[in-house]
Amino acid sequence: ANVDEVNRLLDPARNQDSTLAEQGLALRQVVSLMIAHRRPSYYLAQG
């Protein structure tokens, strides 16, 4: 992912011209990494 773009998509002050699909994907990636911290070697590979 483009990190600057993900941060823009999740900032209400800067994401007015983006689609809901783009915002949803960015949020999904962020949430996935926050969950993956519990078992990163598993969740980010075969899990």
ModelCIF file with pLDDT and N, C-alpha, C, O atoms, coordinates in Angstrom:
data_MODEL
#
_entry.id   MODEL 
#
_entity.id                         1 
_entity.type                       polymer 
_entity.pdbx_number_of_molecules   1 
#
_entity_poly.entity_id                      1 
_entity_poly.type                           'polypeptide(L)' 
_entity_poly.nstd_linkage                   no 
_entity_poly.nstd_monomer                   no 
_entity_poly.pdbx_seq_one_letter_code       ANVDEVNRLLDPARNQDSTLAEQGLALRQVVSLMIAHRRPSYYLAQG 
_entity_poly.pdbx_seq_one_letter_code_can   ANVDEVNRLLDPARNQDSTLAEQGLALRQVVSLMIAHRRPSYYLAQG 
_entity_poly.pdbx_strand_id                 A 
#
loop_
_entity_poly_seq.entity_id 
_entity_poly_seq.num 
_entity_poly_seq.mon_id 
_entity_poly_seq.hetero 
1 1  ALA n 
1 2  ASN n 
1 3  VAL n 
1 4  ASP n 
1 5  GLU n 
1 6  VAL n 
1 7  ASN n 
1 8  ARG n 
1 9  LEU n 
1 10 LEU n 
1 11 ASP n 
1 12 PRO n 
1 13 ALA n 
1 14 ARG n 
1 15 ASN n 
1 16 GLN n 
1 17 ASP n 
1 18 SER n 
1 19 THR n 
1 20 LEU n 
1 21 ALA n 
1 22 GLU n 
1 23 GLN n 
1 24 GLY n 
1 25 LEU n 
1 26 ALA n 
1 27 LEU n 
1 28 ARG n 
1 29 GLN n 
1 30 VAL n 
1 31 VAL n 
1 32 SER n 
1 33 LEU n 
1 34 MET n 
1 35 ILE n 
1 36 ALA n 
1 37 HIS n 
1 38 ARG n 
1 39 ARG n 
1 40 PRO n 
1 41 SER n 
1 42 TYR n 
1 43 TYR n 
1 44 LEU n 
1 45 ALA n 
1 46 GLN n 
1 47 GLY n 
#
_struct_asym.id          A 
_struct_asym.entity_id   1 
#
loop_
_ma_qa_metric.id 
_ma_qa_metric.mode 
_ma_qa_metric.name 
_ma_qa_metric.software_group_id 
_ma_qa_metric.type 
1 global pLDDT . pLDDT 
2 local  pLDDT . pLDDT 
#
_ma_qa_metric_global.metric_id      1 
_ma_qa_metric_global.metric_value   95.40 
_ma_qa_metric_global.model_id       1 
_ma_qa_metric_global.ordinal_id     1 
#
loop_
_ma_qa_metric_local.label_asym_id 
_ma_qa_metric_local.label_comp_id 
_ma_qa_metric_local.label_seq_id 
_ma_qa_metric_local.metric_id 
_ma_qa_metric_local.metric_value 
_ma_qa_metric_local.model_id 
_ma_qa_metric_local.ordinal_id 
A ALA 1  2 97.00 1 1  
A ASN 2  2 97.00 1 2  
A VAL 3  2 97.00 1 3  
A ASP 4  2 97.00 1 4  
A GLU 5  2 97.00 1 5  
A VAL 6  2 97.00 1 6  
A ASN 7  2 97.00 1 7  
A ARG 8  2 96.00 1 8  
A LEU 9  2 96.00 1 9  
A LEU 10 2 96.00 1 10 
A ASP 11 2 95.00 1 11 
A PRO 12 2 91.00 1 12 
A ALA 13 2 91.00 1 13 
A ARG 14 2 93.00 1 14 
A ASN 15 2 92.00 1 15 
A GLN 16 2 90.00 1 16 
A ASP 17 2 93.00 1 17 
A SER 18 2 94.00 1 18 
A THR 19 2 95.00 1 19 
A LEU 20 2 95.00 1 20 
A ALA 21 2 95.00 1 21 
A GLU 22 2 96.00 1 22 
A GLN 23 2 96.00 1 23 
A GLY 24 2 96.00 1 24 
A LEU 25 2 97.00 1 25 
A ALA 26 2 97.00 1 26 
A LEU 27 2 97.00 1 27 
A ARG 28 2 97.00 1 28 
A GLN 29 2 98.00 1 29 
A VAL 30 2 98.00 1 30 
A VAL 31 2 98.00 1 31 
A SER 32 2 98.00 1 32 
A LEU 33 2 97.00 1 33 
A MET 34 2 97.00 1 34 
A ILE 35 2 97.00 1 35 
A ALA 36 2 96.00 1 36 
A HIS 37 2 94.00 1 37 
A ARG 38 2 92.00 1 38 
A ARG 39 2 94.00 1 39 
A PRO 40 2 95.00 1 40 
A SER 41 2 94.00 1 41 
A TYR 42 2 96.00 1 42 
A TYR 43 2 97.00 1 43 
A LEU 44 2 96.00 1 44 
A ALA 45 2 92.00 1 45 
A GLN 46 2 93.00 1 46 
A GLY 47 2 95.00 1 47 
#
loop_
_atom_site.group_PDB 
_atom_site.id 
_atom_site.type_symbol 
_atom_site.label_atom_id 
_atom_site.label_alt_id 
_atom_site.label_comp_id 
_atom_site.label_asym_id 
_atom_site.label_entity_id 
_atom_site.label_seq_id 
_atom_site.pdbx_PDB_ins_code 
_atom_site.Cartn_x 
_atom_site.Cartn_y 
_atom_site.Cartn_z 
_atom_site.occupancy 
_atom_site.B_iso_or_equiv 
_atom_site.pdbx_formal_charge 
_atom_site.auth_seq_id 
_atom_site.auth_comp_id 
_atom_site.auth_asym_id 
_atom_site.auth_atom_id 
_atom_site.pdbx_PDB_model_num 
ATOM 1   N N  . ALA A 1 1  ? 0.825   -1.206  0.000  1.00 97.00 ? 1  ALA A N  1 
ATOM 2   C CA . ALA A 1 1  ? 0.000   0.000   0.000  1.00 97.00 ? 1  ALA A CA 1 
ATOM 3   C C  . ALA A 1 1  ? 0.859   1.256   0.000  1.00 97.00 ? 1  ALA A C  1 
ATOM 4   O O  . ALA A 1 1  ? 1.985   1.257   0.496  1.00 97.00 ? 1  ALA A O  1 
ATOM 5   N N  . ASN A 1 2  ? 0.307   2.325   -0.565 1.00 97.00 ? 2  ASN A N  1 
ATOM 6   C CA . ASN A 1 2  ? 0.915   3.644   -0.479 1.00 97.00 ? 2  ASN A CA 1 
ATOM 7   C C  . ASN A 1 2  ? 0.522   4.228   0.877  1.00 97.00 ? 2  ASN A C  1 
ATOM 8   O O  . ASN A 1 2  ? -0.641  4.570   1.092  1.00 97.00 ? 2  ASN A O  1 
ATOM 9   N N  . VAL A 1 3  ? 1.469   4.343   1.772  1.00 97.00 ? 3  VAL A N  1 
ATOM 10  C CA . VAL A 1 3  ? 1.167   4.711   3.150  1.00 97.00 ? 3  VAL A CA 1 
ATOM 11  C C  . VAL A 1 3  ? 0.556   6.103   3.238  1.00 97.00 ? 3  VAL A C  1 
ATOM 12  O O  . VAL A 1 3  ? -0.400  6.315   3.983  1.00 97.00 ? 3  VAL A O  1 
ATOM 13  N N  . ASP A 1 4  ? 1.100   7.047   2.485  1.00 97.00 ? 4  ASP A N  1 
ATOM 14  C CA . ASP A 1 4  ? 0.545   8.405   2.512  1.00 97.00 ? 4  ASP A CA 1 
ATOM 15  C C  . ASP A 1 4  ? -0.896  8.416   2.006  1.00 97.00 ? 4  ASP A C  1 
ATOM 16  O O  . ASP A 1 4  ? -1.734  9.168   2.504  1.00 97.00 ? 4  ASP A O  1 
ATOM 17  N N  . GLU A 1 5  ? -1.173  7.575   1.014  1.00 97.00 ? 5  GLU A N  1 
ATOM 18  C CA . GLU A 1 5  ? -2.527  7.516   0.473  1.00 97.00 ? 5  GLU A CA 1 
ATOM 19  C C  . GLU A 1 5  ? -3.490  6.879   1.470  1.00 97.00 ? 5  GLU A C  1 
ATOM 20  O O  . GLU A 1 5  ? -4.628  7.329   1.609  1.00 97.00 ? 5  GLU A O  1 
ATOM 21  N N  . VAL A 1 6  ? -3.046  5.845   2.158  1.00 97.00 ? 6  VAL A N  1 
ATOM 22  C CA . VAL A 1 6  ? -3.890  5.235   3.184  1.00 97.00 ? 6  VAL A CA 1 
ATOM 23  C C  . VAL A 1 6  ? -4.237  6.246   4.266  1.00 97.00 ? 6  VAL A C  1 
ATOM 24  O O  . VAL A 1 6  ? -5.389  6.331   4.691  1.00 97.00 ? 6  VAL A O  1 
ATOM 25  N N  . ASN A 1 7  ? -3.254  7.009   4.710  1.00 97.00 ? 7  ASN A N  1 
ATOM 26  C CA . ASN A 1 7  ? -3.515  8.026   5.735  1.00 97.00 ? 7  ASN A CA 1 
ATOM 27  C C  . ASN A 1 7  ? -4.476  9.103   5.223  1.00 97.00 ? 7  ASN A C  1 
ATOM 28  O O  . ASN A 1 7  ? -5.311  9.600   5.979  1.00 97.00 ? 7  ASN A O  1 
ATOM 29  N N  . ARG A 1 8  ? -4.360  9.457   3.963  1.00 96.00 ? 8  ARG A N  1 
ATOM 30  C CA . ARG A 1 8  ? -5.272  10.447  3.383  1.00 96.00 ? 8  ARG A CA 1 
ATOM 31  C C  . ARG A 1 8  ? -6.693  9.898   3.327  1.00 96.00 ? 8  ARG A C  1 
ATOM 32  O O  . ARG A 1 8  ? -7.651  10.604  3.641  1.00 96.00 ? 8  ARG A O  1 
ATOM 33  N N  . LEU A 1 9  ? -6.825  8.632   2.926  1.00 96.00 ? 9  LEU A N  1 
ATOM 34  C CA . LEU A 1 9  ? -8.143  8.024   2.783  1.00 96.00 ? 9  LEU A CA 1 
ATOM 35  C C  . LEU A 1 9  ? -8.871  7.895   4.116  1.00 96.00 ? 9  LEU A C  1 
ATOM 36  O O  . LEU A 1 9  ? -10.102 7.880   4.149  1.00 96.00 ? 9  LEU A O  1 
ATOM 37  N N  . LEU A 1 10 ? -8.129  7.802   5.211  1.00 96.00 ? 10 LEU A N  1 
ATOM 38  C CA . LEU A 1 10 ? -8.744  7.638   6.527  1.00 96.00 ? 10 LEU A CA 1 
ATOM 39  C C  . LEU A 1 10 ? -8.839  8.945   7.300  1.00 96.00 ? 10 LEU A C  1 
ATOM 40  O O  . LEU A 1 10 ? -9.163  8.946   8.488  1.00 96.00 ? 10 LEU A O  1 
ATOM 41  N N  . ASP A 1 11 ? -8.558  10.052  6.633  1.00 95.00 ? 11 ASP A N  1 
ATOM 42  C CA . ASP A 1 11 ? -8.656  11.377  7.247  1.00 95.00 ? 11 ASP A CA 1 
ATOM 43  C C  . ASP A 1 11 ? -9.870  12.096  6.661  1.00 95.00 ? 11 ASP A C  1 
ATOM 44  O O  . ASP A 1 11 ? -9.836  12.478  5.492  1.00 95.00 ? 11 ASP A O  1 
ATOM 45  N N  . PRO A 1 12 ? -10.943 12.294  7.434  1.00 91.00 ? 12 PRO A N  1 
ATOM 46  C CA . PRO A 1 12 ? -12.163 12.930  6.903  1.00 91.00 ? 12 PRO A CA 1 
ATOM 47  C C  . PRO A 1 12 ? -11.915 14.310  6.301  1.00 91.00 ? 12 PRO A C  1 
ATOM 48  O O  . PRO A 1 12 ? -12.678 14.755  5.445  1.00 91.00 ? 12 PRO A O  1 
ATOM 49  N N  . ALA A 1 13 ? -10.872 14.980  6.731  1.00 91.00 ? 13 ALA A N  1 
ATOM 50  C CA . ALA A 1 13 ? -10.595 16.318  6.214  1.00 91.00 ? 13 ALA A CA 1 
ATOM 51  C C  . ALA A 1 13 ? -9.957  16.281  4.834  1.00 91.00 ? 13 ALA A C  1 
ATOM 52  O O  . ALA A 1 13 ? -9.871  17.314  4.171  1.00 91.00 ? 13 ALA A O  1 
ATOM 53  N N  . ARG A 1 14 ? -9.504  15.097  4.383  1.00 93.00 ? 14 ARG A N  1 
ATOM 54  C CA . ARG A 1 14 ? -8.797  15.031  3.101  1.00 93.00 ? 14 ARG A CA 1 
ATOM 55  C C  . ARG A 1 14 ? -9.327  13.980  2.133  1.00 93.00 ? 14 ARG A C  1 
ATOM 56  O O  . ARG A 1 14 ? -8.791  13.849  1.032  1.00 93.00 ? 14 ARG A O  1 
ATOM 57  N N  . ASN A 1 15 ? -10.363 13.225  2.506  1.00 92.00 ? 15 ASN A N  1 
ATOM 58  C CA . ASN A 1 15 ? -10.784 12.103  1.657  1.00 92.00 ? 15 ASN A CA 1 
ATOM 59  C C  . ASN A 1 15 ? -12.105 12.326  0.930  1.00 92.00 ? 15 ASN A C  1 
ATOM 60  O O  . ASN A 1 15 ? -12.736 11.365  0.490  1.00 92.00 ? 15 ASN A O  1 
ATOM 61  N N  . GLN A 1 16 ? -12.536 13.600  0.796  1.00 90.00 ? 16 GLN A N  1 
ATOM 62  C CA . GLN A 1 16 ? -13.838 13.855  0.178  1.00 90.00 ? 16 GLN A CA 1 
ATOM 63  C C  . GLN A 1 16 ? -13.909 13.399  -1.276 1.00 90.00 ? 16 GLN A C  1 
ATOM 64  O O  . GLN A 1 16 ? -14.984 13.021  -1.742 1.00 90.00 ? 16 GLN A O  1 
ATOM 65  N N  . ASP A 1 17 ? -12.805 13.423  -1.995 1.00 93.00 ? 17 ASP A N  1 
ATOM 66  C CA . ASP A 1 17 ? -12.823 13.071  -3.411 1.00 93.00 ? 17 ASP A CA 1 
ATOM 67  C C  . ASP A 1 17 ? -12.523 11.598  -3.665 1.00 93.00 ? 17 ASP A C  1 
ATOM 68  O O  . ASP A 1 17 ? -12.326 11.203  -4.814 1.00 93.00 ? 17 ASP A O  1 
ATOM 69  N N  . SER A 1 18 ? -12.484 10.778  -2.614 1.00 94.00 ? 18 SER A N  1 
ATOM 70  C CA . SER A 1 18 ? -12.188 9.349   -2.770 1.00 94.00 ? 18 SER A CA 1 
ATOM 71  C C  . SER A 1 18 ? -13.464 8.532   -2.682 1.00 94.00 ? 18 SER A C  1 
ATOM 72  O O  . SER A 1 18 ? -14.462 8.985   -2.120 1.00 94.00 ? 18 SER A O  1 
ATOM 73  N N  . THR A 1 19 ? -13.432 7.340   -3.232 1.00 95.00 ? 19 THR A N  1 
ATOM 74  C CA . THR A 1 19 ? -14.601 6.463   -3.222 1.00 95.00 ? 19 THR A CA 1 
ATOM 75  C C  . THR A 1 19 ? -14.679 5.692   -1.913 1.00 95.00 ? 19 THR A C  1 
ATOM 76  O O  . THR A 1 19 ? -13.690 5.566   -1.192 1.00 95.00 ? 19 THR A O  1 
ATOM 77  N N  . LEU A 1 20 ? -15.880 5.174   -1.615 1.00 95.00 ? 20 LEU A N  1 
ATOM 78  C CA . LEU A 1 20 ? -16.048 4.363   -0.413 1.00 95.00 ? 20 LEU A CA 1 
ATOM 79  C C  . LEU A 1 20 ? -15.236 3.075   -0.507 1.00 95.00 ? 20 LEU A C  1 
ATOM 80  O O  . LEU A 1 20 ? -14.744 2.573   0.504  1.00 95.00 ? 20 LEU A O  1 
ATOM 81  N N  . ALA A 1 21 ? -15.095 2.542   -1.712 1.00 95.00 ? 21 ALA A N  1 
ATOM 82  C CA . ALA A 1 21 ? -14.305 1.327   -1.885 1.00 95.00 ? 21 ALA A CA 1 
ATOM 83  C C  . ALA A 1 21 ? -12.849 1.565   -1.503 1.00 95.00 ? 21 ALA A C  1 
ATOM 84  O O  . ALA A 1 21 ? -12.225 0.713   -0.871 1.00 95.00 ? 21 ALA A O  1 
ATOM 85  N N  . GLU A 1 22 ? -12.306 2.716   -1.882 1.00 96.00 ? 22 GLU A N  1 
ATOM 86  C CA . GLU A 1 22 ? -10.925 3.041   -1.535 1.00 96.00 ? 22 GLU A CA 1 
ATOM 87  C C  . GLU A 1 22 ? -10.765 3.227   -0.028 1.00 96.00 ? 22 GLU A C  1 
ATOM 88  O O  . GLU A 1 22 ? -9.805  2.744   0.572  1.00 96.00 ? 22 GLU A O  1 
ATOM 89  N N  . GLN A 1 23 ? -11.717 3.932   0.570  1.00 96.00 ? 23 GLN A N  1 
ATOM 90  C CA . GLN A 1 23 ? -11.663 4.134   2.021  1.00 96.00 ? 23 GLN A CA 1 
ATOM 91  C C  . GLN A 1 23 ? -11.805 2.806   2.762  1.00 96.00 ? 23 GLN A C  1 
ATOM 92  O O  . GLN A 1 23 ? -11.114 2.558   3.750  1.00 96.00 ? 23 GLN A O  1 
ATOM 93  N N  . GLY A 1 24 ? -12.711 1.956   2.272  1.00 96.00 ? 24 GLY A N  1 
ATOM 94  C CA . GLY A 1 24 ? -12.943 0.665   2.925  1.00 96.00 ? 24 GLY A CA 1 
ATOM 95  C C  . GLY A 1 24 ? -11.722 -0.230  2.871  1.00 96.00 ? 24 GLY A C  1 
ATOM 96  O O  . GLY A 1 24 ? -11.388 -0.886  3.858  1.00 96.00 ? 24 GLY A O  1 
ATOM 97  N N  . LEU A 1 25 ? -11.047 -0.263  1.722  1.00 97.00 ? 25 LEU A N  1 
ATOM 98  C CA . LEU A 1 25 ? -9.848  -1.087  1.599  1.00 97.00 ? 25 LEU A CA 1 
ATOM 99  C C  . LEU A 1 25 ? -8.750  -0.591  2.527  1.00 97.00 ? 25 LEU A C  1 
ATOM 100 O O  . LEU A 1 25 ? -8.060  -1.389  3.162  1.00 97.00 ? 25 LEU A O  1 
ATOM 101 N N  . ALA A 1 26 ? -8.588  0.720   2.606  1.00 97.00 ? 26 ALA A N  1 
ATOM 102 C CA . ALA A 1 26 ? -7.561  1.286   3.491  1.00 97.00 ? 26 ALA A CA 1 
ATOM 103 C C  . ALA A 1 26 ? -7.837  0.915   4.941  1.00 97.00 ? 26 ALA A C  1 
ATOM 104 O O  . ALA A 1 26 ? -6.926  0.519   5.667  1.00 97.00 ? 26 ALA A O  1 
ATOM 105 N N  . LEU A 1 27 ? -9.104  1.043   5.368  1.00 97.00 ? 27 LEU A N  1 
ATOM 106 C CA . LEU A 1 27 ? -9.455  0.708   6.747  1.00 97.00 ? 27 LEU A CA 1 
ATOM 107 C C  . LEU A 1 27 ? -9.256  -0.778  6.998  1.00 97.00 ? 27 LEU A C  1 
ATOM 108 O O  . LEU A 1 27 ? -8.767  -1.174  8.056  1.00 97.00 ? 27 LEU A O  1 
ATOM 109 N N  . ARG A 1 28 ? -9.634  -1.598  6.029  1.00 97.00 ? 28 ARG A N  1 
ATOM 110 C CA . ARG A 1 28 ? -9.490  -3.044  6.187  1.00 97.00 ? 28 ARG A CA 1 
ATOM 111 C C  . ARG A 1 28 ? -8.028  -3.431  6.384  1.00 97.00 ? 28 ARG A C  1 
ATOM 112 O O  . ARG A 1 28 ? -7.723  -4.290  7.211  1.00 97.00 ? 28 ARG A O  1 
ATOM 113 N N  . GLN A 1 29 ? -7.136  -2.817  5.643  1.00 98.00 ? 29 GLN A N  1 
ATOM 114 C CA . GLN A 1 29 ? -5.714  -3.125  5.778  1.00 98.00 ? 29 GLN A CA 1 
ATOM 115 C C  . GLN A 1 29 ? -5.187  -2.711  7.152  1.00 98.00 ? 29 GLN A C  1 
ATOM 116 O O  . GLN A 1 29 ? -4.413  -3.443  7.770  1.00 98.00 ? 29 GLN A O  1 
ATOM 117 N N  . VAL A 1 30 ? -5.601  -1.549  7.622  1.00 98.00 ? 30 VAL A N  1 
ATOM 118 C CA . VAL A 1 30 ? -5.165  -1.069  8.932  1.00 98.00 ? 30 VAL A CA 1 
ATOM 119 C C  . VAL A 1 30 ? -5.656  -1.994  10.044 1.00 98.00 ? 30 VAL A C  1 
ATOM 120 O O  . VAL A 1 30 ? -4.883  -2.387  10.918 1.00 98.00 ? 30 VAL A O  1 
ATOM 121 N N  . VAL A 1 31 ? -6.938  -2.338  10.009 1.00 98.00 ? 31 VAL A N  1 
ATOM 122 C CA . VAL A 1 31 ? -7.512  -3.204  11.039 1.00 98.00 ? 31 VAL A CA 1 
ATOM 123 C C  . VAL A 1 31 ? -6.860  -4.587  11.013 1.00 98.00 ? 31 VAL A C  1 
ATOM 124 O O  . VAL A 1 31 ? -6.610  -5.177  12.064 1.00 98.00 ? 31 VAL A O  1 
ATOM 125 N N  . SER A 1 32 ? -6.585  -5.099  9.820  1.00 98.00 ? 32 SER A N  1 
ATOM 126 C CA . SER A 1 32 ? -5.945  -6.412  9.703  1.00 98.00 ? 32 SER A CA 1 
ATOM 127 C C  . SER A 1 32 ? -4.592  -6.433  10.402 1.00 98.00 ? 32 SER A C  1 
ATOM 128 O O  . SER A 1 32 ? -4.265  -7.406  11.081 1.00 98.00 ? 32 SER A O  1 
ATOM 129 N N  . LEU A 1 33 ? -3.806  -5.381  10.247 1.00 97.00 ? 33 LEU A N  1 
ATOM 130 C CA . LEU A 1 33 ? -2.489  -5.334  10.880 1.00 97.00 ? 33 LEU A CA 1 
ATOM 131 C C  . LEU A 1 33 ? -2.597  -5.204  12.396 1.00 97.00 ? 33 LEU A C  1 
ATOM 132 O O  . LEU A 1 33 ? -1.778  -5.756  13.131 1.00 97.00 ? 33 LEU A O  1 
ATOM 133 N N  . MET A 1 34 ? -3.602  -4.478  12.858 1.00 97.00 ? 34 MET A N  1 
ATOM 134 C CA . MET A 1 34 ? -3.792  -4.351  14.301 1.00 97.00 ? 34 MET A CA 1 
ATOM 135 C C  . MET A 1 34 ? -4.167  -5.685  14.929 1.00 97.00 ? 34 MET A C  1 
ATOM 136 O O  . MET A 1 34 ? -3.761  -5.977  16.054 1.00 97.00 ? 34 MET A O  1 
ATOM 137 N N  . ILE A 1 35 ? -4.936  -6.494  14.214 1.00 97.00 ? 35 ILE A N  1 
ATOM 138 C CA . ILE A 1 35 ? -5.287  -7.822  14.705 1.00 97.00 ? 35 ILE A CA 1 
ATOM 139 C C  . ILE A 1 35 ? -4.107  -8.768  14.575 1.00 97.00 ? 35 ILE A C  1 
ATOM 140 O O  . ILE A 1 35 ? -3.870  -9.602  15.449 1.00 97.00 ? 35 ILE A O  1 
ATOM 141 N N  . ALA A 1 36 ? -3.361  -8.635  13.470 1.00 96.00 ? 36 ALA A N  1 
ATOM 142 C CA . ALA A 1 36 ? -2.254  -9.548  13.188 1.00 96.00 ? 36 ALA A CA 1 
ATOM 143 C C  . ALA A 1 36 ? -1.166  -9.488  14.246 1.00 96.00 ? 36 ALA A C  1 
ATOM 144 O O  . ALA A 1 36 ? -0.406  -10.445 14.394 1.00 96.00 ? 36 ALA A O  1 
ATOM 145 N N  . HIS A 1 37 ? -1.070  -8.394  14.984 1.00 94.00 ? 37 HIS A N  1 
ATOM 146 C CA . HIS A 1 37 ? -0.020  -8.276  16.006 1.00 94.00 ? 37 HIS A CA 1 
ATOM 147 C C  . HIS A 1 37 ? -0.107  -9.399  17.030 1.00 94.00 ? 37 HIS A C  1 
ATOM 148 O O  . HIS A 1 37 ? 0.901   -9.746  17.646 1.00 94.00 ? 37 HIS A O  1 
ATOM 149 N N  . ARG A 1 38 ? -1.297  -9.976  17.226 1.00 92.00 ? 38 ARG A N  1 
ATOM 150 C CA . ARG A 1 38 ? -1.445  -11.032 18.225 1.00 92.00 ? 38 ARG A CA 1 
ATOM 151 C C  . ARG A 1 38 ? -0.632  -12.272 17.847 1.00 92.00 ? 38 ARG A C  1 
ATOM 152 O O  . ARG A 1 38 ? -0.019  -12.906 18.707 1.00 92.00 ? 38 ARG A O  1 
ATOM 153 N N  . ARG A 1 39 ? -0.632  -12.611 16.561 1.00 94.00 ? 39 ARG A N  1 
ATOM 154 C CA . ARG A 1 39 ? 0.144   -13.762 16.060 1.00 94.00 ? 39 ARG A CA 1 
ATOM 155 C C  . ARG A 1 39 ? 0.664   -13.406 14.670 1.00 94.00 ? 39 ARG A C  1 
ATOM 156 O O  . ARG A 1 39 ? 0.213   -13.987 13.683 1.00 94.00 ? 39 ARG A O  1 
ATOM 157 N N  . PRO A 1 40 ? 1.588   -12.476 14.573 1.00 95.00 ? 40 PRO A N  1 
ATOM 158 C CA . PRO A 1 40 ? 1.970   -11.948 13.250 1.00 95.00 ? 40 PRO A CA 1 
ATOM 159 C C  . PRO A 1 40 ? 2.558   -12.989 12.304 1.00 95.00 ? 40 PRO A C  1 
ATOM 160 O O  . PRO A 1 40 ? 2.253   -12.983 11.111 1.00 95.00 ? 40 PRO A O  1 
ATOM 161 N N  . SER A 1 41 ? 3.395   -13.881 12.823 1.00 94.00 ? 41 SER A N  1 
ATOM 162 C CA . SER A 1 41 ? 4.018   -14.870 11.943 1.00 94.00 ? 41 SER A CA 1 
ATOM 163 C C  . SER A 1 41 ? 2.991   -15.813 11.333 1.00 94.00 ? 41 SER A C  1 
ATOM 164 O O  . SER A 1 41 ? 3.202   -16.342 10.242 1.00 94.00 ? 41 SER A O  1 
ATOM 165 N N  . TYR A 1 42 ? 1.882   -16.025 12.033 1.00 96.00 ? 42 TYR A N  1 
ATOM 166 C CA . TYR A 1 42 ? 0.816   -16.882 11.499 1.00 96.00 ? 42 TYR A CA 1 
ATOM 167 C C  . TYR A 1 42 ? -0.143  -16.098 10.608 1.00 96.00 ? 42 TYR A C  1 
ATOM 168 O O  . TYR A 1 42 ? -0.378  -16.470 9.458  1.00 96.00 ? 42 TYR A O  1 
ATOM 169 N N  . TYR A 1 43 ? -0.692  -15.013 11.143 1.00 97.00 ? 43 TYR A N  1 
ATOM 170 C CA . TYR A 1 43 ? -1.731  -14.280 10.409 1.00 97.00 ? 43 TYR A CA 1 
ATOM 171 C C  . TYR A 1 43 ? -1.216  -13.683 9.103  1.00 97.00 ? 43 TYR A C  1 
ATOM 172 O O  . TYR A 1 43 ? -1.965  -13.613 8.129  1.00 97.00 ? 43 TYR A O  1 
ATOM 173 N N  . LEU A 1 44 ? 0.027   -13.256 9.058  1.00 96.00 ? 44 LEU A N  1 
ATOM 174 C CA . LEU A 1 44 ? 0.549   -12.588 7.864  1.00 96.00 ? 44 LEU A CA 1 
ATOM 175 C C  . LEU A 1 44 ? 1.176   -13.559 6.866  1.00 96.00 ? 44 LEU A C  1 
ATOM 176 O O  . LEU A 1 44 ? 1.684   -13.145 5.824  1.00 96.00 ? 44 LEU A O  1 
ATOM 177 N N  . ALA A 1 45 ? 1.137   -14.847 7.187  1.00 92.00 ? 45 ALA A N  1 
ATOM 178 C CA . ALA A 1 45 ? 1.664   -15.869 6.265  1.00 92.00 ? 45 ALA A CA 1 
ATOM 179 C C  . ALA A 1 45 ? 0.537   -16.828 5.899  1.00 92.00 ? 45 ALA A C  1 
ATOM 180 O O  . ALA A 1 45 ? -0.290  -16.508 5.046  1.00 92.00 ? 45 ALA A O  1 
ATOM 181 N N  . GLN A 1 46 ? 0.492   -17.999 6.533  1.00 93.00 ? 46 GLN A N  1 
ATOM 182 C CA . GLN A 1 46 ? -0.508  -18.991 6.161  1.00 93.00 ? 46 GLN A CA 1 
ATOM 183 C C  . GLN A 1 46 ? -1.882  -18.717 6.755  1.00 93.00 ? 46 GLN A C  1 
ATOM 184 O O  . GLN A 1 46 ? -2.848  -19.383 6.384  1.00 93.00 ? 46 GLN A O  1 
ATOM 185 N N  . GLY A 1 47 ? -1.996  -17.759 7.666  1.00 95.00 ? 47 GLY A N  1 
ATOM 186 C CA . GLY A 1 47 ? -3.286  -17.508 8.316  1.00 95.00 ? 47 GLY A CA 1 
ATOM 187 C C  . GLY A 1 47 ? -4.061  -16.336 7.742  1.00 95.00 ? 47 GLY A C  1 
ATOM 188 O O  . GLY A 1 47 ? -5.158  -16.033 8.210  1.00 95.00 ? 47 GLY A O  1 
#
